[in-house]
Amino acid sequence: MRTALQYRTANAALLVVHGLRSFRWSEEALERDLLNSAVMSSAPTMVKRMWRMDLDSFPDGELSIEGKAADFFLLDAQGVPEAPPSYPNHHLDQVRHGLLWWDSVCTVLESSSTSSD
């Protein structure tokens, strides 16, 4: 979210899918170092009372998630650098400090839900 033009006040987001029915990630099977992947397009849909989100990322990733409902949280995470870490020639343990983890302290800026509860 640090580079998203639509969400200038946030540096992170969390998508929670309830009643997960399917989760699929695909990308080219290439031998490469760590790489920053950026979401280029997203397409949420409702089909037969199920919620679905298809995401395309640069350079070559595709994510498809389907479930009963979803909640989206736009976050301000503390201690995260303004720009994503530089990945070339680094291992995950060398760039972890610039990434969010489950124990990161966050403030919810905005949220939305597909459920009617």
N, C-alpha and C. Protein backbone atom coordinates (compact mmCIF):
# COMPACT_ATOMS: atom_id res chain seq x y z
N MET A 1 0.81 -1.19 0.00
CA MET A 1 0.00 0.00 0.00
C MET A 1 0.86 1.27 0.00
N ARG A 2 2.16 1.10 0.24
CA ARG A 2 3.02 2.29 0.29
C ARG A 2 3.12 3.00 -1.05
N THR A 3 2.81 2.30 -2.13
CA THR A 3 2.90 2.92 -3.45
C THR A 3 1.53 3.07 -4.13
N ALA A 4 0.44 2.79 -3.41
CA ALA A 4 -0.91 2.89 -3.99
C ALA A 4 -1.33 4.35 -4.13
N LEU A 5 -1.73 4.73 -5.31
CA LEU A 5 -2.16 6.11 -5.54
C LEU A 5 -3.51 6.41 -4.92
N GLN A 6 -4.37 5.42 -4.78
CA GLN A 6 -5.71 5.64 -4.24
C GLN A 6 -5.73 5.78 -2.73
N TYR A 7 -4.72 5.29 -2.06
CA TYR A 7 -4.70 5.27 -0.59
C TYR A 7 -3.44 5.95 -0.07
N ARG A 8 -3.34 7.22 -0.23
CA ARG A 8 -2.11 7.95 0.12
C ARG A 8 -1.83 8.02 1.62
N THR A 9 -2.86 7.86 2.47
CA THR A 9 -2.64 7.97 3.91
C THR A 9 -2.25 6.65 4.55
N ALA A 10 -2.39 5.55 3.83
CA ALA A 10 -2.14 4.23 4.41
C ALA A 10 -0.84 3.64 3.87
N ASN A 11 -0.24 2.76 4.68
CA ASN A 11 0.95 2.06 4.21
C ASN A 11 0.77 0.55 4.23
N ALA A 12 -0.46 0.09 4.56
CA ALA A 12 -0.72 -1.34 4.60
C ALA A 12 -2.22 -1.60 4.47
N ALA A 13 -2.55 -2.83 4.14
CA ALA A 13 -3.95 -3.24 4.08
C ALA A 13 -4.03 -4.71 4.49
N LEU A 14 -5.20 -5.07 4.97
CA LEU A 14 -5.45 -6.45 5.38
C LEU A 14 -6.79 -6.87 4.80
N LEU A 15 -6.82 -8.01 4.14
CA LEU A 15 -8.05 -8.57 3.61
C LEU A 15 -8.34 -9.86 4.37
N VAL A 16 -9.49 -9.91 5.04
CA VAL A 16 -9.89 -11.08 5.81
C VAL A 16 -11.05 -11.74 5.07
N VAL A 17 -10.87 -12.99 4.67
CA VAL A 17 -11.90 -13.72 3.94
C VAL A 17 -12.56 -14.72 4.89
N HIS A 18 -13.88 -14.64 5.01
CA HIS A 18 -14.64 -15.54 5.87
C HIS A 18 -15.19 -16.68 5.03
N GLY A 19 -15.19 -17.88 5.58
CA GLY A 19 -15.71 -19.04 4.85
C GLY A 19 -14.92 -19.31 3.59
N LEU A 20 -13.60 -19.30 3.71
CA LEU A 20 -12.72 -19.48 2.55
C LEU A 20 -13.07 -20.75 1.79
N ARG A 21 -13.32 -20.59 0.50
CA ARG A 21 -13.65 -21.73 -0.35
C ARG A 21 -12.48 -22.10 -1.25
N SER A 22 -11.76 -21.10 -1.76
CA SER A 22 -10.59 -21.40 -2.59
C SER A 22 -9.56 -20.28 -2.48
N PHE A 23 -8.31 -20.66 -2.64
CA PHE A 23 -7.17 -19.75 -2.61
C PHE A 23 -6.18 -20.27 -3.64
N ARG A 24 -5.87 -19.44 -4.64
CA ARG A 24 -4.96 -19.89 -5.69
C ARG A 24 -3.96 -18.78 -6.01
N TRP A 25 -2.69 -19.12 -5.99
CA TRP A 25 -1.61 -18.20 -6.36
C TRP A 25 -0.83 -18.86 -7.49
N SER A 26 -0.55 -18.10 -8.54
CA SER A 26 0.27 -18.64 -9.62
C SER A 26 1.23 -17.55 -10.10
N GLU A 27 2.39 -18.00 -10.55
CA GLU A 27 3.40 -17.12 -11.12
C GLU A 27 4.34 -17.97 -11.96
N GLU A 28 5.11 -17.30 -12.80
CA GLU A 28 6.11 -18.02 -13.59
C GLU A 28 7.12 -18.67 -12.67
N ALA A 29 7.46 -19.91 -12.96
CA ALA A 29 8.45 -20.63 -12.16
C ALA A 29 9.84 -20.23 -12.60
N LEU A 30 10.33 -19.13 -12.04
CA LEU A 30 11.65 -18.63 -12.40
C LEU A 30 12.59 -18.69 -11.21
N GLU A 31 13.82 -18.93 -11.46
CA GLU A 31 14.84 -18.85 -10.41
C GLU A 31 15.23 -17.38 -10.29
N ARG A 32 14.86 -16.77 -9.18
CA ARG A 32 15.18 -15.35 -9.00
C ARG A 32 15.28 -15.02 -7.52
N ASP A 33 15.88 -13.89 -7.27
CA ASP A 33 16.00 -13.40 -5.90
C ASP A 33 14.66 -12.84 -5.45
N LEU A 34 14.62 -12.33 -4.22
CA LEU A 34 13.41 -11.66 -3.73
C LEU A 34 13.01 -10.54 -4.68
N LEU A 35 11.72 -10.34 -4.79
CA LEU A 35 11.21 -9.35 -5.73
C LEU A 35 9.98 -8.69 -5.15
N ASN A 36 9.90 -7.38 -5.26
CA ASN A 36 8.71 -6.65 -4.84
C ASN A 36 7.61 -6.88 -5.87
N SER A 37 6.46 -7.32 -5.42
CA SER A 37 5.33 -7.56 -6.31
C SER A 37 4.28 -6.48 -6.06
N ALA A 38 3.84 -5.82 -7.11
CA ALA A 38 2.86 -4.74 -6.99
C ALA A 38 1.54 -5.15 -7.63
N VAL A 39 0.43 -4.93 -6.92
CA VAL A 39 -0.89 -5.23 -7.47
C VAL A 39 -1.19 -4.22 -8.56
N MET A 40 -1.50 -4.72 -9.75
CA MET A 40 -1.78 -3.87 -10.90
C MET A 40 -3.28 -3.75 -11.16
N SER A 41 -4.05 -4.78 -10.82
CA SER A 41 -5.49 -4.72 -11.01
C SER A 41 -6.17 -5.65 -10.02
N SER A 42 -7.41 -5.31 -9.68
CA SER A 42 -8.21 -6.15 -8.81
C SER A 42 -9.64 -6.17 -9.32
N ALA A 43 -10.28 -7.32 -9.18
CA ALA A 43 -11.65 -7.46 -9.68
C ALA A 43 -12.48 -8.25 -8.67
N PRO A 44 -13.22 -7.54 -7.80
CA PRO A 44 -14.11 -8.24 -6.87
C PRO A 44 -15.44 -8.56 -7.56
N THR A 45 -15.99 -9.72 -7.27
CA THR A 45 -17.28 -10.13 -7.84
C THR A 45 -18.07 -10.94 -6.82
N MET A 46 -19.37 -11.00 -7.03
CA MET A 46 -20.25 -11.88 -6.25
C MET A 46 -20.84 -12.89 -7.22
N VAL A 47 -20.66 -14.18 -6.93
CA VAL A 47 -21.18 -15.24 -7.78
C VAL A 47 -21.84 -16.29 -6.88
N LYS A 48 -23.13 -16.53 -7.10
CA LYS A 48 -23.86 -17.54 -6.34
C LYS A 48 -23.67 -17.39 -4.83
N ARG A 49 -23.87 -16.19 -4.35
CA ARG A 49 -23.75 -15.85 -2.92
C ARG A 49 -22.35 -16.04 -2.37
N MET A 50 -21.36 -16.11 -3.24
CA MET A 50 -19.96 -16.22 -2.82
C MET A 50 -19.22 -14.98 -3.31
N TRP A 51 -18.31 -14.49 -2.49
CA TRP A 51 -17.49 -13.34 -2.82
C TRP A 51 -16.18 -13.84 -3.43
N ARG A 52 -15.69 -13.13 -4.44
CA ARG A 52 -14.44 -13.53 -5.09
C ARG A 52 -13.62 -12.30 -5.42
N MET A 53 -12.29 -12.42 -5.29
CA MET A 53 -11.37 -11.35 -5.66
C MET A 53 -10.26 -11.95 -6.50
N ASP A 54 -10.06 -11.35 -7.68
CA ASP A 54 -8.95 -11.74 -8.55
C ASP A 54 -7.99 -10.56 -8.62
N LEU A 55 -6.71 -10.82 -8.32
CA LEU A 55 -5.68 -9.79 -8.33
C LEU A 55 -4.58 -10.17 -9.31
N ASP A 56 -4.16 -9.22 -10.11
CA ASP A 56 -3.01 -9.41 -10.98
C ASP A 56 -1.89 -8.53 -10.46
N SER A 57 -0.69 -9.10 -10.37
CA SER A 57 0.43 -8.33 -9.85
C SER A 57 1.58 -8.32 -10.84
N PHE A 58 2.40 -7.29 -10.73
CA PHE A 58 3.60 -7.15 -11.54
C PHE A 58 4.76 -7.72 -10.75
N PRO A 59 5.58 -8.59 -11.31
CA PRO A 59 5.70 -8.81 -12.72
C PRO A 59 4.81 -9.92 -13.30
N ASP A 60 4.42 -10.94 -12.51
CA ASP A 60 3.70 -12.03 -13.17
C ASP A 60 2.78 -12.83 -12.25
N GLY A 61 2.39 -12.31 -11.14
CA GLY A 61 1.58 -13.07 -10.20
C GLY A 61 0.09 -12.90 -10.40
N GLU A 62 -0.65 -13.97 -10.09
CA GLU A 62 -2.10 -13.94 -10.12
C GLU A 62 -2.62 -14.60 -8.85
N LEU A 63 -3.51 -13.89 -8.15
CA LEU A 63 -4.10 -14.40 -6.92
C LEU A 63 -5.61 -14.41 -7.09
N SER A 64 -6.23 -15.52 -6.72
CA SER A 64 -7.68 -15.65 -6.76
C SER A 64 -8.14 -16.20 -5.42
N ILE A 65 -9.08 -15.49 -4.77
CA ILE A 65 -9.59 -15.87 -3.46
C ILE A 65 -11.11 -15.89 -3.55
N GLU A 66 -11.73 -16.91 -2.96
CA GLU A 66 -13.19 -16.99 -2.95
C GLU A 66 -13.66 -17.43 -1.58
N GLY A 67 -14.70 -16.79 -1.09
CA GLY A 67 -15.26 -17.14 0.20
C GLY A 67 -16.66 -16.60 0.37
N LYS A 68 -17.19 -16.78 1.57
CA LYS A 68 -18.54 -16.35 1.87
C LYS A 68 -18.66 -14.83 1.97
N ALA A 69 -17.65 -14.19 2.55
CA ALA A 69 -17.64 -12.74 2.73
C ALA A 69 -16.21 -12.28 2.95
N ALA A 70 -16.00 -10.96 2.92
CA ALA A 70 -14.66 -10.43 3.14
C ALA A 70 -14.73 -9.07 3.84
N ASP A 71 -13.69 -8.79 4.62
CA ASP A 71 -13.52 -7.50 5.28
C ASP A 71 -12.19 -6.93 4.81
N PHE A 72 -12.18 -5.65 4.49
CA PHE A 72 -10.98 -4.97 4.02
C PHE A 72 -10.63 -3.87 5.02
N PHE A 73 -9.38 -3.85 5.46
CA PHE A 73 -8.92 -2.86 6.41
C PHE A 73 -7.75 -2.08 5.82
N LEU A 74 -7.87 -0.77 5.79
CA LEU A 74 -6.80 0.10 5.36
C LEU A 74 -6.06 0.53 6.62
N LEU A 75 -4.74 0.33 6.64
CA LEU A 75 -3.98 0.46 7.88
C LEU A 75 -2.85 1.48 7.80
N ASP A 76 -2.51 2.02 8.96
CA ASP A 76 -1.29 2.80 9.14
C ASP A 76 -0.44 1.99 10.10
N ALA A 77 0.60 1.37 9.59
CA ALA A 77 1.47 0.52 10.41
C ALA A 77 2.64 1.34 10.93
N GLN A 78 2.91 1.21 12.22
CA GLN A 78 4.00 1.95 12.85
C GLN A 78 5.35 1.32 12.53
N GLY A 79 6.34 2.16 12.32
CA GLY A 79 7.70 1.69 12.14
C GLY A 79 8.03 1.11 10.78
N VAL A 80 7.15 1.33 9.81
CA VAL A 80 7.40 0.81 8.47
C VAL A 80 7.97 1.95 7.62
N PRO A 81 9.10 1.73 6.94
CA PRO A 81 9.67 2.79 6.11
C PRO A 81 8.70 3.28 5.04
N GLU A 82 8.88 4.50 4.57
CA GLU A 82 8.01 5.08 3.54
C GLU A 82 8.04 4.29 2.24
N ALA A 83 9.20 3.80 1.87
CA ALA A 83 9.34 3.05 0.61
C ALA A 83 9.56 1.57 0.92
N PRO A 84 9.10 0.68 0.03
CA PRO A 84 9.38 -0.74 0.22
C PRO A 84 10.88 -0.99 0.23
N PRO A 85 11.31 -2.07 0.89
CA PRO A 85 12.75 -2.37 0.93
C PRO A 85 13.31 -2.69 -0.46
N SER A 86 14.60 -2.52 -0.59
CA SER A 86 15.28 -2.88 -1.83
C SER A 86 15.64 -4.37 -1.74
N TYR A 87 15.09 -5.17 -2.63
CA TYR A 87 15.25 -6.61 -2.55
C TYR A 87 16.47 -7.20 -3.26
N PRO A 88 16.93 -6.62 -4.39
CA PRO A 88 18.01 -7.28 -5.13
C PRO A 88 19.22 -7.61 -4.25
N ASN A 89 19.70 -8.83 -4.41
CA ASN A 89 20.88 -9.34 -3.73
C ASN A 89 20.72 -9.42 -2.21
N HIS A 90 19.48 -9.52 -1.72
CA HIS A 90 19.23 -9.65 -0.29
C HIS A 90 18.41 -10.90 0.00
N HIS A 91 18.54 -11.38 1.23
CA HIS A 91 17.72 -12.49 1.71
C HIS A 91 16.61 -11.90 2.58
N LEU A 92 15.56 -12.68 2.83
CA LEU A 92 14.42 -12.20 3.59
C LEU A 92 14.83 -11.64 4.96
N ASP A 93 15.74 -12.29 5.65
CA ASP A 93 16.15 -11.80 6.97
C ASP A 93 16.85 -10.44 6.90
N GLN A 94 17.35 -10.05 5.74
CA GLN A 94 18.00 -8.75 5.58
C GLN A 94 17.01 -7.61 5.31
N VAL A 95 15.81 -7.93 4.87
CA VAL A 95 14.82 -6.89 4.54
C VAL A 95 13.58 -6.98 5.42
N ARG A 96 13.52 -7.93 6.33
CA ARG A 96 12.34 -8.14 7.17
C ARG A 96 11.94 -6.88 7.92
N HIS A 97 12.88 -6.08 8.38
CA HIS A 97 12.56 -4.88 9.16
C HIS A 97 11.70 -3.88 8.38
N GLY A 98 11.71 -3.95 7.08
CA GLY A 98 10.91 -3.04 6.25
C GLY A 98 9.58 -3.62 5.81
N LEU A 99 9.24 -4.80 6.35
CA LEU A 99 7.98 -5.47 5.98
C LEU A 99 7.06 -5.60 7.19
N LEU A 100 5.78 -5.69 6.94
CA LEU A 100 4.81 -5.91 8.01
C LEU A 100 4.76 -7.38 8.38
N TRP A 101 4.50 -7.65 9.65
CA TRP A 101 4.32 -9.01 10.14
C TRP A 101 3.09 -9.01 11.01
N TRP A 102 2.63 -10.19 11.43
CA TRP A 102 1.41 -10.30 12.23
C TRP A 102 1.51 -9.55 13.55
N ASP A 103 2.71 -9.32 14.05
CA ASP A 103 2.86 -8.61 15.32
C ASP A 103 3.10 -7.10 15.13
N SER A 104 2.97 -6.60 13.91
CA SER A 104 3.14 -5.17 13.66
C SER A 104 2.00 -4.37 14.30
N VAL A 105 2.35 -3.24 14.91
CA VAL A 105 1.35 -2.36 15.51
C VAL A 105 0.73 -1.51 14.41
N CYS A 106 -0.61 -1.55 14.30
CA CYS A 106 -1.33 -0.85 13.23
C CYS A 106 -2.53 -0.09 13.78
N THR A 107 -2.89 0.96 13.07
CA THR A 107 -4.12 1.70 13.34
C THR A 107 -5.01 1.52 12.12
N VAL A 108 -6.28 1.16 12.35
CA VAL A 108 -7.23 1.03 11.24
C VAL A 108 -7.69 2.42 10.84
N LEU A 109 -7.45 2.80 9.58
CA LEU A 109 -7.86 4.09 9.06
C LEU A 109 -9.26 4.04 8.45
N GLU A 110 -9.53 2.97 7.73
CA GLU A 110 -10.83 2.76 7.09
C GLU A 110 -11.08 1.27 7.00
N SER A 111 -12.35 0.90 6.89
CA SER A 111 -12.67 -0.51 6.68
C SER A 111 -13.98 -0.63 5.91
N SER A 112 -14.15 -1.78 5.27
CA SER A 112 -15.39 -2.08 4.58
C SER A 112 -15.61 -3.59 4.64
N SER A 113 -16.87 -3.99 4.44
CA SER A 113 -17.21 -5.40 4.55
C SER A 113 -18.23 -5.77 3.48
N THR A 114 -18.17 -7.02 3.03
CA THR A 114 -19.17 -7.51 2.07
C THR A 114 -20.33 -8.17 2.79
N SER A 115 -20.19 -8.44 4.09
CA SER A 115 -21.27 -9.11 4.82
C SER A 115 -22.30 -8.09 5.28
N SER A 116 -23.52 -8.54 5.49
CA SER A 116 -24.60 -7.65 5.93
C SER A 116 -24.81 -7.70 7.44
N ASP A 117 -23.94 -8.41 8.16
CA ASP A 117 -24.07 -8.52 9.62
C ASP A 117 -23.76 -7.22 10.32
